[in-house]
PDB file of all heavy atoms in Angstrom:
ATOM      1  N   ALA A   1     -67.132  -4.744  17.112  1.00  0.00           N
ATOM      2  CA  ALA A   1     -67.616  -5.987  17.718  1.00  0.00           C
ATOM      3  C   ALA A   1     -67.450  -5.929  19.234  1.00  0.00           C
ATOM      4  O   ALA A   1     -66.447  -5.405  19.733  1.00  0.00           O
ATOM      5  CB  ALA A   1     -66.860  -7.182  17.160  1.00  0.00           C
ATOM      6  N   TYR A   2     -68.434  -6.465  19.940  1.00  0.00           N
ATOM      7  CA  TYR A   2     -68.424  -6.489  21.396  1.00  0.00           C
ATOM      8  C   TYR A   2     -68.800  -7.895  21.848  1.00  0.00           C
ATOM      9  O   TYR A   2     -69.594  -8.569  21.190  1.00  0.00           O
ATOM     10  CB  TYR A   2     -69.437  -5.486  21.954  1.00  0.00           C
ATOM     11  CG  TYR A   2     -69.194  -4.083  21.475  1.00  0.00           C
ATOM     12  CD1 TYR A   2     -69.784  -3.622  20.302  1.00  0.00           C
ATOM     13  CD2 TYR A   2     -68.356  -3.222  22.179  1.00  0.00           C
ATOM     14  CE1 TYR A   2     -69.555  -2.343  19.841  1.00  0.00           C
ATOM     15  CE2 TYR A   2     -68.119  -1.946  21.726  1.00  0.00           C
ATOM     16  CZ  TYR A   2     -68.718  -1.496  20.571  1.00  0.00           C
ATOM     17  OH  TYR A   2     -68.480  -0.222  20.119  1.00  0.00           O
ATOM     18  N   TYR A   3     -68.237  -8.308  22.966  1.00  0.00           N
ATOM     19  CA  TYR A   3     -68.458  -9.660  23.460  1.00  0.00           C
ATOM     20  C   TYR A   3     -68.690  -9.651  24.960  1.00  0.00           C
ATOM     21  O   TYR A   3     -68.112  -8.838  25.684  1.00  0.00           O
ATOM     22  CB  TYR A   3     -67.248 -10.542  23.151  1.00  0.00           C
ATOM     23  CG  TYR A   3     -66.936 -10.647  21.681  1.00  0.00           C
ATOM     24  CD1 TYR A   3     -66.012  -9.802  21.075  1.00  0.00           C
ATOM     25  CD2 TYR A   3     -67.586 -11.587  20.885  1.00  0.00           C
ATOM     26  CE1 TYR A   3     -65.744  -9.883  19.721  1.00  0.00           C
ATOM     27  CE2 TYR A   3     -67.322 -11.677  19.527  1.00  0.00           C
ATOM     28  CZ  TYR A   3     -66.402 -10.818  18.944  1.00  0.00           C
ATOM     29  OH  TYR A   3     -66.135 -10.904  17.606  1.00  0.00           O
ATOM     30  N   ALA A   4     -69.515 -10.597  25.392  1.00  0.00           N
ATOM     31  CA  ALA A   4     -69.611 -10.851  26.825  1.00  0.00           C
ATOM     32  C   ALA A   4     -68.292 -11.436  27.310  1.00  0.00           C
ATOM     33  O   ALA A   4     -67.606 -12.148  26.560  1.00  0.00           O
ATOM     34  CB  ALA A   4     -70.759 -11.821  27.099  1.00  0.00           C
ATOM     35  N   ASP A   5     -67.949 -11.156  28.554  1.00  0.00           N
ATOM     36  CA  ASP A   5     -66.688 -11.675  29.090  1.00  0.00           C
ATOM     37  C   ASP A   5     -66.619 -13.196  29.011  1.00  0.00           C
ATOM     38  O   ASP A   5     -65.547 -13.769  28.815  1.00  0.00           O
ATOM     39  CB  ASP A   5     -66.521 -11.225  30.540  1.00  0.00           C
ATOM     40  CG  ASP A   5     -66.206  -9.738  30.649  1.00  0.00           C
ATOM     41  OD1 ASP A   5     -65.805  -9.129  29.628  1.00  0.00           O
ATOM     42  OD2 ASP A   5     -66.375  -9.196  31.762  1.00  0.00           O
ATOM     43  N   SER A   6     -67.768 -13.840  29.140  1.00  0.00           N
ATOM     44  CA  SER A   6     -67.791 -15.307  29.180  1.00  0.00           C
ATOM     45  C   SER A   6     -67.423 -15.941  27.844  1.00  0.00           C
ATOM     46  O   SER A   6     -67.082 -17.118  27.800  1.00  0.00           O
ATOM     47  CB  SER A   6     -69.173 -15.792  29.617  1.00  0.00           C
ATOM     48  OG  SER A   6     -70.165 -15.309  28.736  1.00  0.00           O
ATOM     49  N   VAL A   7     -67.500 -15.175  26.759  1.00  0.00           N
ATOM     50  CA  VAL A   7     -67.213 -15.752  25.435  1.00  0.00           C
ATOM     51  C   VAL A   7     -66.028 -15.083  24.752  1.00  0.00           C
ATOM     52  O   VAL A   7     -65.604 -15.524  23.674  1.00  0.00           O
ATOM     53  CB  VAL A   7     -68.445 -15.689  24.513  1.00  0.00           C
ATOM     54  CG1 VAL A   7     -69.652 -16.318  25.185  1.00  0.00           C
ATOM     55  CG2 VAL A   7     -68.749 -14.266  24.073  1.00  0.00           C
ATOM     56  N   LYS A   8     -65.494 -14.031  25.360  1.00  0.00           N
ATOM     57  CA  LYS A   8     -64.401 -13.283  24.745  1.00  0.00           C
ATOM     58  C   LYS A   8     -63.215 -14.199  24.499  1.00  0.00           C
ATOM     59  O   LYS A   8     -62.813 -14.976  25.372  1.00  0.00           O
ATOM     60  CB  LYS A   8     -64.009 -12.122  25.659  1.00  0.00           C
ATOM     61  CG  LYS A   8     -63.318 -10.973  24.958  1.00  0.00           C
ATOM     62  CD  LYS A   8     -63.170  -9.789  25.899  1.00  0.00           C
ATOM     63  CE  LYS A   8     -64.491  -9.175  26.237  1.00  0.00           C
ATOM     64  NZ  LYS A   8     -64.373  -7.966  27.099  1.00  0.00           N
ATOM     65  N   GLY A   9     -62.671 -14.129  23.297  1.00  0.00           N
ATOM     66  CA  GLY A   9     -61.541 -14.977  22.940  1.00  0.00           C
ATOM     67  C   GLY A   9     -61.945 -16.328  22.370  1.00  0.00           C
ATOM     68  O   GLY A   9     -61.111 -17.058  21.830  1.00  0.00           O
ATOM     69  N   ARG A  10     -63.228 -16.668  22.492  1.00  0.00           N
ATOM     70  CA  ARG A  10     -63.705 -17.959  21.966  1.00  0.00           C
ATOM     71  C   ARG A  10     -64.700 -17.776  20.831  1.00  0.00           C
ATOM     72  O   ARG A  10     -64.747 -18.589  19.908  1.00  0.00           O
ATOM     73  CB  ARG A  10     -64.367 -18.782  23.076  1.00  0.00           C
ATOM     74  CG  ARG A  10     -63.451 -19.088  24.234  1.00  0.00           C
ATOM     75  CD  ARG A  10     -64.114 -20.076  25.209  1.00  0.00           C
ATOM     76  NE  ARG A  10     -65.320 -19.527  25.828  1.00  0.00           N
ATOM     77  CZ  ARG A  10     -66.523 -20.095  25.743  1.00  0.00           C
ATOM     78  NH1 ARG A  10     -66.690 -21.213  25.073  1.00  0.00           N
ATOM     79  NH2 ARG A  10     -67.557 -19.548  26.363  1.00  0.00           N
ATOM     80  N   PHE A  11     -65.517 -16.730  20.907  1.00  0.00           N
ATOM     81  CA  PHE A  11     -66.550 -16.478  19.901  1.00  0.00           C
ATOM     82  C   PHE A  11     -66.161 -15.281  19.050  1.00  0.00           C
ATOM     83  O   PHE A  11     -65.524 -14.342  19.529  1.00  0.00           O
ATOM     84  CB  PHE A  11     -67.896 -16.176  20.573  1.00  0.00           C
ATOM     85  CG  PHE A  11     -68.539 -17.344  21.258  1.00  0.00           C
ATOM     86  CD1 PHE A  11     -67.874 -18.530  21.492  1.00  0.00           C
ATOM     87  CD2 PHE A  11     -69.862 -17.233  21.708  1.00  0.00           C
ATOM     88  CE1 PHE A  11     -68.496 -19.591  22.139  1.00  0.00           C
ATOM     89  CE2 PHE A  11     -70.490 -18.277  22.358  1.00  0.00           C
ATOM     90  CZ  PHE A  11     -69.805 -19.469  22.571  1.00  0.00           C
ATOM     91  N   THR A  12     -66.576 -15.317  17.791  1.00  0.00           N
ATOM     92  CA  THR A  12     -66.326 -14.194  16.882  1.00  0.00           C
ATOM     93  C   THR A  12     -67.592 -13.895  16.099  1.00  0.00           C
ATOM     94  O   THR A  12     -68.165 -14.791  15.474  1.00  0.00           O
ATOM     95  CB  THR A  12     -65.194 -14.517  15.898  1.00  0.00           C
ATOM     96  OG1 THR A  12     -64.007 -14.852  16.625  1.00  0.00           O
ATOM     97  CG2 THR A  12     -64.903 -13.312  15.010  1.00  0.00           C
ATOM     98  N   ILE A  13     -68.006 -12.635  16.121  1.00  0.00           N
ATOM     99  CA  ILE A  13     -69.160 -12.199  15.344  1.00  0.00           C
ATOM    100  C   ILE A  13     -68.653 -11.506  14.090  1.00  0.00           C
ATOM    101  O   ILE A  13     -67.665 -10.761  14.134  1.00  0.00           O
ATOM    102  CB  ILE A  13     -70.077 -11.265  16.172  1.00  0.00           C
ATOM    103  CG1 ILE A  13     -71.376 -10.967  15.421  1.00  0.00           C
ATOM    104  CG2 ILE A  13     -69.359  -9.984  16.568  1.00  0.00           C
ATOM    105  CD1 ILE A  13     -72.413 -10.236  16.275  1.00  0.00           C
ATOM    106  N   SER A  14     -69.319 -11.758  12.966  1.00  0.00           N
ATOM    107  CA  SER A  14     -68.872 -11.153  11.721  1.00  0.00           C
ATOM    108  C   SER A  14     -70.047 -10.994  10.763  1.00  0.00           C
ATOM    109  O   SER A  14     -71.027 -11.722  10.839  1.00  0.00           O
ATOM    110  CB  SER A  14     -67.784 -12.014  11.065  1.00  0.00           C
ATOM    111  OG  SER A  14     -68.289 -13.303  10.751  1.00  0.00           O
ATOM    112  N   ARG A  15     -69.899 -10.030   9.873  1.00  0.00           N
ATOM    113  CA  ARG A  15     -70.890  -9.829   8.821  1.00  0.00           C
ATOM    114  C   ARG A  15     -70.429 -10.541   7.549  1.00  0.00           C
ATOM    115  O   ARG A  15     -69.256 -10.510   7.209  1.00  0.00           O
ATOM    116  CB  ARG A  15     -71.050  -8.335   8.514  1.00  0.00           C
ATOM    117  CG  ARG A  15     -71.675  -7.547   9.620  1.00  0.00           C
ATOM    118  CD  ARG A  15     -71.842  -6.089   9.203  1.00  0.00           C
ATOM    119  NE  ARG A  15     -72.467  -5.295  10.236  1.00  0.00           N
ATOM    120  CZ  ARG A  15     -73.770  -5.127  10.356  1.00  0.00           C
ATOM    121  NH1 ARG A  15     -74.586  -5.697   9.495  1.00  0.00           N
ATOM    122  NH2 ARG A  15     -74.279  -4.392  11.332  1.00  0.00           N
ATOM    123  N   ASP A  16     -71.344 -11.178   6.860  1.00  0.00           N
ATOM    124  CA  ASP A  16     -71.065 -11.781   5.558  1.00  0.00           C
ATOM    125  C   ASP A  16     -72.030 -11.134   4.573  1.00  0.00           C
ATOM    126  O   ASP A  16     -73.156 -11.587   4.388  1.00  0.00           O
ATOM    127  CB  ASP A  16     -71.252 -13.299   5.613  1.00  0.00           C
ATOM    128  CG  ASP A  16     -70.804 -13.976   4.326  1.00  0.00           C
ATOM    129  OD1 ASP A  16     -70.829 -13.335   3.251  1.00  0.00           O
ATOM    130  OD2 ASP A  16     -70.430 -15.157   4.381  1.00  0.00           O
ATOM    131  N   ASN A  17     -71.585 -10.055   3.968  1.00  0.00           N
ATOM    132  CA  ASN A  17     -72.478  -9.291   3.093  1.00  0.00           C
ATOM    133  C   ASN A  17     -72.888 -10.104   1.861  1.00  0.00           C
ATOM    134  O   ASN A  17     -73.980  -9.918   1.336  1.00  0.00           O
ATOM    135  CB  ASN A  17     -71.816  -7.984   2.676  1.00  0.00           C
ATOM    136  CG  ASN A  17     -71.662  -7.025   3.843  1.00  0.00           C
ATOM    137  OD1 ASN A  17     -72.443  -7.049   4.790  1.00  0.00           O
ATOM    138  ND2 ASN A  17     -70.639  -6.190   3.789  1.00  0.00           N
ATOM    139  N   ALA A  18     -72.026 -11.001   1.405  1.00  0.00           N
ATOM    140  CA  ALA A  18     -72.358 -11.810   0.226  1.00  0.00           C
ATOM    141  C   ALA A  18     -73.549 -12.725   0.525  1.00  0.00           C
ATOM    142  O   ALA A  18     -74.370 -12.993  -0.351  1.00  0.00           O
ATOM    143  CB  ALA A  18     -71.151 -12.622  -0.208  1.00  0.00           C
ATOM    144  N   LYS A  19     -73.622 -13.207   1.753  1.00  0.00           N
ATOM    145  CA  LYS A  19     -74.730 -14.080   2.147  1.00  0.00           C
ATOM    146  C   LYS A  19     -75.873 -13.303   2.796  1.00  0.00           C
ATOM    147  O   LYS A  19     -76.903 -13.885   3.112  1.00  0.00           O
ATOM    148  CB  LYS A  19     -74.249 -15.131   3.155  1.00  0.00           C
ATOM    149  CG  LYS A  19     -73.282 -16.151   2.634  1.00  0.00           C
ATOM    150  CD  LYS A  19     -73.080 -17.314   3.628  1.00  0.00           C
ATOM    151  CE  LYS A  19     -73.042 -16.938   5.059  1.00  0.00           C
ATOM    152  NZ  LYS A  19     -72.808 -18.067   5.968  1.00  0.00           N
ATOM    153  N   ASN A  20     -75.653 -12.006   3.019  1.00  0.00           N
ATOM    154  CA  ASN A  20     -76.626 -11.203   3.760  1.00  0.00           C
ATOM    155  C   ASN A  20     -76.898 -11.843   5.117  1.00  0.00           C
ATOM    156  O   ASN A  20     -78.045 -12.106   5.495  1.00  0.00           O
ATOM    157  CB  ASN A  20     -77.929 -11.025   2.986  1.00  0.00           C
ATOM    158  CG  ASN A  20     -78.837  -9.984   3.622  1.00  0.00           C
ATOM    159  OD1 ASN A  20     -78.375  -9.024   4.231  1.00  0.00           O
ATOM    160  ND2 ASN A  20     -80.138 -10.186   3.509  1.00  0.00           N
ATOM    161  N   ALA A  21     -75.820 -12.098   5.826  1.00  0.00           N
ATOM    162  CA  ALA A  21     -75.944 -12.806   7.091  1.00  0.00           C
ATOM    163  C   ALA A  21     -74.950 -12.237   8.098  1.00  0.00           C
ATOM    164  O   ALA A  21     -73.974 -11.571   7.727  1.00  0.00           O
ATOM    165  CB  ALA A  21     -75.695 -14.300   6.898  1.00  0.00           C
ATOM    166  N   VAL A  22     -75.225 -12.491   9.346  1.00  0.00           N
ATOM    167  CA  VAL A  22     -74.281 -12.204  10.419  1.00  0.00           C
ATOM    168  C   VAL A  22     -74.016 -13.519  11.131  1.00  0.00           C
ATOM    169  O   VAL A  22     -74.960 -14.188  11.579  1.00  0.00           O
ATOM    170  CB  VAL A  22     -74.832 -11.156  11.399  1.00  0.00           C
ATOM    171  CG1 VAL A  22     -73.895 -11.001  12.590  1.00  0.00           C
ATOM    172  CG2 VAL A  22     -74.992  -9.814  10.688  1.00  0.00           C
ATOM    173  N   ASP A  23     -72.766 -13.903  11.194  1.00  0.00           N
ATOM    174  CA  ASP A  23     -72.388 -15.197  11.737  1.00  0.00           C
ATOM    175  C   ASP A  23     -71.794 -15.069  13.131  1.00  0.00           C
ATOM    176  O   ASP A  23     -71.226 -14.028  13.485  1.00  0.00           O
ATOM    177  CB  ASP A  23     -71.365 -15.879  10.825  1.00  0.00           C
ATOM    178  CG  ASP A  23     -71.962 -16.235   9.477  1.00  0.00           C
ATOM    179  OD1 ASP A  23     -73.201 -16.280   9.363  1.00  0.00           O
ATOM    180  OD2 ASP A  23     -71.180 -16.458   8.538  1.00  0.00           O
ATOM    181  N   LEU A  24     -71.909 -16.143  13.887  1.00  0.00           N
ATOM    182  CA  LEU A  24     -71.266 -16.242  15.190  1.00  0.00           C
ATOM    183  C   LEU A  24     -70.458 -17.532  15.197  1.00  0.00           C
ATOM    184  O   LEU A  24     -71.034 -18.628  15.244  1.00  0.00           O
ATOM    185  CB  LEU A  24     -72.299 -16.254  16.316  1.00  0.00           C
ATOM    186  CG  LEU A  24     -71.721 -16.259  17.723  1.00  0.00           C
ATOM    187  CD1 LEU A  24     -71.044 -14.926  18.033  1.00  0.00           C
ATOM    188  CD2 LEU A  24     -72.802 -16.555  18.759  1.00  0.00           C
ATOM    189  N   GLN A  25     -69.154 -17.389  15.084  1.00  0.00           N
ATOM    190  CA  GLN A  25     -68.267 -18.546  15.155  1.00  0.00           C
ATOM    191  C   GLN A  25     -67.963 -18.837  16.615  1.00  0.00           C
ATOM    192  O   GLN A  25     -67.464 -17.965  17.329  1.00  0.00           O
ATOM    193  CB  GLN A  25     -66.965 -18.268  14.390  1.00  0.00           C
ATOM    194  CG  GLN A  25     -65.951 -19.384  14.458  1.00  0.00           C
ATOM    195  CD  GLN A  25     -66.414 -20.641  13.748  1.00  0.00           C
ATOM    196  OE1 GLN A  25     -66.979 -20.577  12.668  1.00  0.00           O
ATOM    197  NE2 GLN A  25     -66.177 -21.789  14.373  1.00  0.00           N
ATOM    198  N   MET A  26     -68.262 -20.053  17.041  1.00  0.00           N
ATOM    199  CA  MET A  26     -68.095 -20.431  18.444  1.00  0.00           C
ATOM    200  C   MET A  26     -67.059 -21.543  18.532  1.00  0.00           C
ATOM    201  O   MET A  26     -67.284 -22.643  18.020  1.00  0.00           O
ATOM    202  CB  MET A  26     -69.426 -20.881  19.031  1.00  0.00           C
ATOM    203  CG  MET A  26     -70.548 -19.869  18.841  1.00  0.00           C
ATOM    204  SD  MET A  26     -72.064 -20.310  19.708  1.00  0.00           S
ATOM    205  CE  MET A  26     -72.501 -21.823  18.869  1.00  0.00           C
TER     206      MET A  26
END
């Protein structure tokens, strides 16, 4: 996972294979 400096520590990207989705928790 990689993040822009402006969102690092606040946003999280993750894969949800059960949903076949990629989420962004903000």
